[in-house]
Amino acid sequence: MKLLLDSSVLLWAIYEPEKLSITAFNSITDAENTRYLSDASLWELGLKIAKGKLGYESSQTSFRDRIRAIDARSLAISQLHIQTAITLPPHHADPFDRMLIAQAQLENMALVTSDRNIGRYEAKIVW
């Protein structure tokens, strides 16, 4: 299964795995699944690091090293992703989450998230 990790799930996976649900943890650690990180999530987390709002060890170098350790592939933002994100129903206002929903829909991925509002969209959710 192809998994798209949201930014909170990424942080919990690399800093506090005990915060993940059992289903999310098992899905992320299952070698049969392929993990993806959207450029949108990395952008969102980069903004938080720059503002000192992460609350975790937040040097760019250590953060990149931890991301590498979970062996996730990068998912770039395409024009089709953007077009889809801006046409989604207004259930969720966060532009980063809307992008993840669009990417999960278009790329046939399961979105790993604890955000209940995302469940209002047509997307496969793992939590």
N, C-alpha and C. Protein backbone atom coordinates (compact mmCIF):
# COMPACT_ATOMS: atom_id res chain seq x y z
N MET A 1 0.85 -1.17 0.00
CA MET A 1 0.00 0.00 0.00
C MET A 1 0.89 1.24 0.00
N LYS A 2 0.45 2.26 -0.71
CA LYS A 2 1.17 3.53 -0.72
C LYS A 2 0.58 4.42 0.36
N LEU A 3 1.44 4.89 1.27
CA LEU A 3 1.02 5.71 2.40
C LEU A 3 1.55 7.14 2.25
N LEU A 4 0.69 8.11 2.43
CA LEU A 4 1.09 9.51 2.46
C LEU A 4 0.97 9.99 3.90
N LEU A 5 2.09 10.36 4.50
CA LEU A 5 2.10 10.76 5.90
C LEU A 5 1.85 12.25 6.04
N ASP A 6 0.91 12.63 6.92
CA ASP A 6 0.73 14.06 7.16
C ASP A 6 1.83 14.54 8.10
N SER A 7 1.93 15.84 8.29
CA SER A 7 3.06 16.40 9.05
C SER A 7 3.07 15.97 10.51
N SER A 8 1.91 15.88 11.14
CA SER A 8 1.87 15.42 12.54
C SER A 8 2.32 13.98 12.65
N VAL A 9 1.84 13.15 11.74
CA VAL A 9 2.23 11.73 11.75
C VAL A 9 3.73 11.60 11.52
N LEU A 10 4.27 12.39 10.62
CA LEU A 10 5.72 12.37 10.39
C LEU A 10 6.47 12.70 11.68
N LEU A 11 6.07 13.77 12.35
CA LEU A 11 6.73 14.15 13.60
C LEU A 11 6.63 13.06 14.65
N TRP A 12 5.44 12.49 14.80
CA TRP A 12 5.28 11.42 15.78
C TRP A 12 6.10 10.20 15.40
N ALA A 13 6.16 9.88 14.12
CA ALA A 13 6.93 8.71 13.68
C ALA A 13 8.41 8.86 14.00
N ILE A 14 8.95 10.08 13.90
CA ILE A 14 10.38 10.24 14.11
C ILE A 14 10.75 10.68 15.52
N TYR A 15 9.80 11.24 16.28
CA TYR A 15 10.12 11.72 17.63
C TYR A 15 9.33 11.03 18.74
N GLU A 16 8.05 10.70 18.48
CA GLU A 16 7.18 10.15 19.52
C GLU A 16 6.27 9.07 18.96
N PRO A 17 6.83 7.94 18.55
CA PRO A 17 5.99 6.90 17.93
C PRO A 17 4.86 6.40 18.82
N GLU A 18 4.97 6.58 20.12
CA GLU A 18 3.90 6.14 21.02
C GLU A 18 2.62 6.94 20.82
N LYS A 19 2.69 8.09 20.16
CA LYS A 19 1.49 8.89 19.88
C LYS A 19 0.70 8.38 18.68
N LEU A 20 1.30 7.51 17.90
CA LEU A 20 0.62 6.94 16.75
C LEU A 20 -0.38 5.88 17.20
N SER A 21 -1.48 5.75 16.48
CA SER A 21 -2.39 4.64 16.75
C SER A 21 -1.66 3.35 16.38
N ILE A 22 -2.15 2.25 16.88
CA ILE A 22 -1.53 0.96 16.56
C ILE A 22 -1.60 0.70 15.06
N THR A 23 -2.74 1.03 14.45
CA THR A 23 -2.90 0.83 13.01
C THR A 23 -1.92 1.68 12.22
N ALA A 24 -1.79 2.95 12.60
CA ALA A 24 -0.86 3.85 11.91
C ALA A 24 0.58 3.35 12.08
N PHE A 25 0.97 3.01 13.30
CA PHE A 25 2.32 2.53 13.56
C PHE A 25 2.62 1.28 12.73
N ASN A 26 1.70 0.32 12.76
CA ASN A 26 1.91 -0.93 12.01
C ASN A 26 1.99 -0.67 10.51
N SER A 27 1.18 0.24 10.00
CA SER A 27 1.21 0.56 8.58
C SER A 27 2.52 1.22 8.18
N ILE A 28 2.98 2.15 9.00
CA ILE A 28 4.22 2.87 8.70
C ILE A 28 5.43 1.95 8.77
N THR A 29 5.43 1.03 9.71
CA THR A 29 6.59 0.16 9.89
C THR A 29 6.53 -1.11 9.04
N ASP A 30 5.43 -1.36 8.37
CA ASP A 30 5.29 -2.54 7.52
C ASP A 30 6.17 -2.36 6.27
N ALA A 31 7.13 -3.23 6.09
CA ALA A 31 8.07 -3.13 4.97
C ALA A 31 7.38 -3.29 3.62
N GLU A 32 6.19 -3.87 3.59
CA GLU A 32 5.44 -4.04 2.34
C GLU A 32 4.84 -2.72 1.85
N ASN A 33 4.69 -1.75 2.75
CA ASN A 33 4.10 -0.46 2.39
C ASN A 33 5.19 0.52 1.97
N THR A 34 4.83 1.43 1.08
CA THR A 34 5.75 2.48 0.64
C THR A 34 5.29 3.79 1.24
N ARG A 35 6.19 4.46 1.94
CA ARG A 35 5.89 5.72 2.61
C ARG A 35 6.25 6.90 1.70
N TYR A 36 5.38 7.92 1.71
CA TYR A 36 5.61 9.13 0.93
C TYR A 36 5.45 10.35 1.84
N LEU A 37 6.25 11.36 1.55
CA LEU A 37 6.12 12.66 2.20
C LEU A 37 5.88 13.69 1.12
N SER A 38 4.82 14.43 1.28
CA SER A 38 4.52 15.48 0.31
C SER A 38 5.43 16.67 0.54
N ASP A 39 5.78 17.33 -0.55
CA ASP A 39 6.50 18.59 -0.44
C ASP A 39 5.71 19.58 0.41
N ALA A 40 4.38 19.47 0.40
CA ALA A 40 3.54 20.36 1.21
C ALA A 40 3.83 20.17 2.71
N SER A 41 3.97 18.93 3.15
CA SER A 41 4.27 18.67 4.56
C SER A 41 5.65 19.17 4.95
N LEU A 42 6.62 18.93 4.06
CA LEU A 42 7.98 19.39 4.35
C LEU A 42 8.03 20.92 4.38
N TRP A 43 7.27 21.57 3.51
CA TRP A 43 7.19 23.03 3.51
C TRP A 43 6.56 23.52 4.82
N GLU A 44 5.45 22.89 5.21
CA GLU A 44 4.77 23.27 6.45
C GLU A 44 5.70 23.12 7.66
N LEU A 45 6.39 21.99 7.73
CA LEU A 45 7.30 21.77 8.86
C LEU A 45 8.50 22.70 8.81
N GLY A 46 9.00 22.99 7.62
CA GLY A 46 10.10 23.94 7.48
C GLY A 46 9.72 25.32 8.00
N LEU A 47 8.49 25.75 7.73
CA LEU A 47 8.01 27.03 8.26
C LEU A 47 7.98 27.01 9.79
N LYS A 48 7.53 25.90 10.35
CA LYS A 48 7.47 25.78 11.81
C LYS A 48 8.87 25.76 12.42
N ILE A 49 9.81 25.08 11.77
CA ILE A 49 11.19 25.06 12.25
C ILE A 49 11.76 26.47 12.23
N ALA A 50 11.54 27.19 11.13
CA ALA A 50 12.08 28.54 10.99
C ALA A 50 11.53 29.48 12.05
N LYS A 51 10.30 29.26 12.47
CA LYS A 51 9.68 30.11 13.49
C LYS A 51 9.95 29.62 14.91
N GLY A 52 10.65 28.49 15.04
CA GLY A 52 10.95 27.92 16.35
C GLY A 52 9.73 27.34 17.03
N LYS A 53 8.75 26.88 16.24
CA LYS A 53 7.49 26.39 16.80
C LYS A 53 7.34 24.88 16.82
N LEU A 54 8.40 24.16 16.52
CA LEU A 54 8.24 22.71 16.46
C LEU A 54 8.15 22.06 17.83
N GLY A 55 8.95 22.50 18.76
CA GLY A 55 8.94 21.87 20.07
C GLY A 55 9.77 20.60 20.12
N TYR A 56 10.40 20.25 19.04
CA TYR A 56 11.30 19.10 18.97
C TYR A 56 12.68 19.62 18.62
N GLU A 57 13.67 18.73 18.69
CA GLU A 57 15.00 19.05 18.19
C GLU A 57 14.80 19.57 16.77
N SER A 58 15.19 20.81 16.53
CA SER A 58 14.75 21.40 15.28
C SER A 58 15.85 21.95 14.37
N SER A 59 17.04 21.41 14.47
CA SER A 59 18.02 21.83 13.48
C SER A 59 17.65 21.17 12.16
N GLN A 60 17.85 21.88 11.07
CA GLN A 60 17.50 21.35 9.76
C GLN A 60 18.24 20.05 9.48
N THR A 61 19.52 19.97 9.88
CA THR A 61 20.32 18.77 9.60
C THR A 61 19.78 17.56 10.33
N SER A 62 19.54 17.67 11.63
CA SER A 62 19.05 16.51 12.39
C SER A 62 17.65 16.11 11.93
N PHE A 63 16.84 17.08 11.56
CA PHE A 63 15.51 16.80 11.07
C PHE A 63 15.57 16.00 9.77
N ARG A 64 16.43 16.42 8.84
CA ARG A 64 16.59 15.69 7.57
C ARG A 64 17.09 14.27 7.82
N ASP A 65 18.02 14.12 8.75
CA ASP A 65 18.54 12.78 9.06
C ASP A 65 17.43 11.87 9.59
N ARG A 66 16.58 12.40 10.44
CA ARG A 66 15.49 11.60 10.99
C ARG A 66 14.47 11.22 9.91
N ILE A 67 14.22 12.14 8.99
CA ILE A 67 13.31 11.84 7.89
C ILE A 67 13.88 10.72 7.02
N ARG A 68 15.17 10.79 6.73
CA ARG A 68 15.81 9.73 5.93
C ARG A 68 15.65 8.36 6.59
N ALA A 69 15.69 8.34 7.91
CA ALA A 69 15.63 7.08 8.65
C ALA A 69 14.29 6.36 8.48
N ILE A 70 13.22 7.08 8.15
CA ILE A 70 11.94 6.39 7.95
C ILE A 70 11.74 5.94 6.51
N ASP A 71 12.73 6.21 5.67
CA ASP A 71 12.75 5.70 4.30
C ASP A 71 11.48 6.04 3.53
N ALA A 72 11.20 7.34 3.44
CA ALA A 72 10.02 7.80 2.72
C ALA A 72 10.43 8.45 1.41
N ARG A 73 9.62 8.26 0.41
CA ARG A 73 9.85 8.88 -0.89
C ARG A 73 9.22 10.27 -0.91
N SER A 74 9.75 11.11 -1.74
CA SER A 74 9.22 12.47 -1.88
C SER A 74 8.07 12.48 -2.88
N LEU A 75 7.05 13.27 -2.59
CA LEU A 75 5.94 13.46 -3.51
C LEU A 75 5.85 14.95 -3.84
N ALA A 76 6.22 15.29 -5.06
CA ALA A 76 6.20 16.68 -5.50
C ALA A 76 4.75 17.14 -5.71
N ILE A 77 4.58 18.44 -5.66
CA ILE A 77 3.27 19.05 -5.91
C ILE A 77 3.16 19.37 -7.40
N SER A 78 2.15 18.81 -8.04
CA SER A 78 1.94 19.05 -9.47
C SER A 78 0.82 20.08 -9.67
N GLN A 79 0.70 20.54 -10.90
CA GLN A 79 -0.39 21.47 -11.21
C GLN A 79 -1.74 20.79 -11.02
N LEU A 80 -1.84 19.51 -11.35
CA LEU A 80 -3.10 18.79 -11.14
C LEU A 80 -3.44 18.69 -9.65
N HIS A 81 -2.42 18.47 -8.81
CA HIS A 81 -2.64 18.46 -7.36
C HIS A 81 -3.22 19.80 -6.91
N ILE A 82 -2.64 20.89 -7.41
CA ILE A 82 -3.10 22.23 -7.04
C ILE A 82 -4.54 22.45 -7.50
N GLN A 83 -4.82 22.11 -8.73
CA GLN A 83 -6.18 22.29 -9.27
C GLN A 83 -7.20 21.50 -8.45
N THR A 84 -6.84 20.30 -8.07
CA THR A 84 -7.75 19.46 -7.28
C THR A 84 -7.92 20.02 -5.88
N ALA A 85 -6.84 20.44 -5.25
CA ALA A 85 -6.91 20.98 -3.89
C ALA A 85 -7.81 22.21 -3.81
N ILE A 86 -7.73 23.08 -4.81
CA ILE A 86 -8.53 24.31 -4.73
C ILE A 86 -10.00 24.09 -5.08
N THR A 87 -10.32 22.92 -5.63
CA THR A 87 -11.72 22.64 -5.95
C THR A 87 -12.38 21.68 -4.95
N LEU A 88 -11.67 21.28 -3.92
CA LEU A 88 -12.26 20.42 -2.90
C LEU A 88 -13.36 21.16 -2.14
N PRO A 89 -14.36 20.43 -1.66
CA PRO A 89 -15.37 21.08 -0.81
C PRO A 89 -14.70 21.72 0.41
N PRO A 90 -15.32 22.74 0.98
CA PRO A 90 -14.68 23.51 2.07
C PRO A 90 -14.78 22.88 3.46
N HIS A 91 -14.64 21.57 3.56
CA HIS A 91 -14.71 20.91 4.87
C HIS A 91 -13.50 21.26 5.74
N HIS A 92 -12.39 21.57 5.10
CA HIS A 92 -11.13 21.80 5.81
C HIS A 92 -10.48 23.05 5.24
N ALA A 93 -10.07 23.96 6.11
CA ALA A 93 -9.51 25.24 5.65
C ALA A 93 -8.00 25.22 5.48
N ASP A 94 -7.32 24.28 6.12
CA ASP A 94 -5.86 24.28 6.09
C ASP A 94 -5.35 23.93 4.69
N PRO A 95 -4.61 24.84 4.04
CA PRO A 95 -4.17 24.57 2.67
C PRO A 95 -3.22 23.39 2.55
N PHE A 96 -2.41 23.14 3.57
CA PHE A 96 -1.49 22.01 3.53
C PHE A 96 -2.27 20.69 3.57
N ASP A 97 -3.27 20.62 4.45
CA ASP A 97 -4.09 19.41 4.52
C ASP A 97 -4.90 19.20 3.26
N ARG A 98 -5.41 20.28 2.68
CA ARG A 98 -6.16 20.17 1.43
C ARG A 98 -5.27 19.61 0.32
N MET A 99 -4.01 20.01 0.31
CA MET A 99 -3.08 19.49 -0.68
C MET A 99 -2.87 17.99 -0.46
N LEU A 100 -2.71 17.57 0.78
CA LEU A 100 -2.52 16.14 1.05
C LEU A 100 -3.73 15.33 0.62
N ILE A 101 -4.92 15.85 0.85
CA ILE A 101 -6.14 15.16 0.42
C ILE A 101 -6.13 15.00 -1.10
N ALA A 102 -5.85 16.08 -1.81
CA ALA A 102 -5.81 16.02 -3.27
C ALA A 102 -4.77 15.03 -3.75
N GLN A 103 -3.59 15.05 -3.16
CA GLN A 103 -2.55 14.12 -3.58
C GLN A 103 -2.94 12.67 -3.29
N ALA A 104 -3.51 12.42 -2.13
CA ALA A 104 -3.93 11.06 -1.79
C ALA A 104 -4.98 10.56 -2.79
N GLN A 105 -5.93 11.42 -3.13
CA GLN A 105 -6.96 11.04 -4.09
C GLN A 105 -6.36 10.73 -5.45
N LEU A 106 -5.56 11.63 -5.96
CA LEU A 106 -5.04 11.50 -7.31
C LEU A 106 -3.99 10.40 -7.46
N GLU A 107 -3.20 10.17 -6.42
CA GLU A 107 -2.11 9.19 -6.49
C GLU A 107 -2.50 7.83 -5.92
N ASN A 108 -3.78 7.67 -5.57
CA ASN A 108 -4.28 6.41 -5.01
C ASN A 108 -3.46 5.98 -3.79
N MET A 109 -3.35 6.90 -2.85
CA MET A 109 -2.61 6.64 -1.62
C MET A 109 -3.55 6.68 -0.42
N ALA A 110 -3.16 6.00 0.63
CA ALA A 110 -3.86 6.11 1.90
C ALA A 110 -3.17 7.23 2.69
N LEU A 111 -3.96 8.17 3.17
CA LEU A 111 -3.43 9.28 3.95
C LEU A 111 -3.38 8.88 5.41
N VAL A 112 -2.20 8.89 6.00
CA VAL A 112 -2.04 8.55 7.41
C VAL A 112 -2.17 9.84 8.20
N THR A 113 -3.29 9.95 8.94
CA THR A 113 -3.59 11.18 9.67
C THR A 113 -4.51 10.89 10.84
N SER A 114 -4.41 11.72 11.87
CA SER A 114 -5.35 11.64 12.99
C SER A 114 -6.42 12.72 12.87
N ASP A 115 -6.38 13.53 11.83
CA ASP A 115 -7.30 14.64 11.63
C ASP A 115 -8.67 14.10 11.18
N ARG A 116 -9.65 14.21 12.04
CA ARG A 116 -10.98 13.68 11.75
C ARG A 116 -11.70 14.44 10.63
N ASN A 117 -11.39 15.73 10.45
CA ASN A 117 -12.04 16.50 9.39
C ASN A 117 -11.69 15.96 8.00
N ILE A 118 -10.51 15.38 7.87
CA ILE A 118 -10.09 14.84 6.58
C ILE A 118 -10.98 13.67 6.18
N GLY A 119 -11.53 12.98 7.15
CA GLY A 119 -12.42 11.86 6.87
C GLY A 119 -13.70 12.26 6.14
N ARG A 120 -13.98 13.54 6.07
CA ARG A 120 -15.18 14.02 5.35
C ARG A 120 -14.96 14.04 3.84
N TYR A 121 -13.74 13.82 3.40
CA TYR A 121 -13.42 13.81 1.98
C TYR A 121 -13.35 12.37 1.47
N GLU A 122 -13.42 12.23 0.17
CA GLU A 122 -13.27 10.91 -0.45
C GLU A 122 -11.78 10.60 -0.57
N ALA A 123 -11.26 10.04 0.47
CA ALA A 123 -9.86 9.63 0.50
C ALA A 123 -9.73 8.48 1.49
N LYS A 124 -8.84 7.55 1.19
CA LYS A 124 -8.61 6.45 2.11
C LYS A 124 -7.75 6.98 3.27
N ILE A 125 -8.21 6.74 4.48
CA ILE A 125 -7.53 7.22 5.68
C ILE A 125 -7.03 6.03 6.49
N VAL A 126 -5.81 6.16 6.98
CA VAL A 126 -5.26 5.17 7.92
C VAL A 126 -5.02 5.91 9.23
N TRP A 127 -5.62 5.40 10.27
CA TRP A 127 -5.33 5.88 11.61
C TRP A 127 -5.60 4.76 12.59
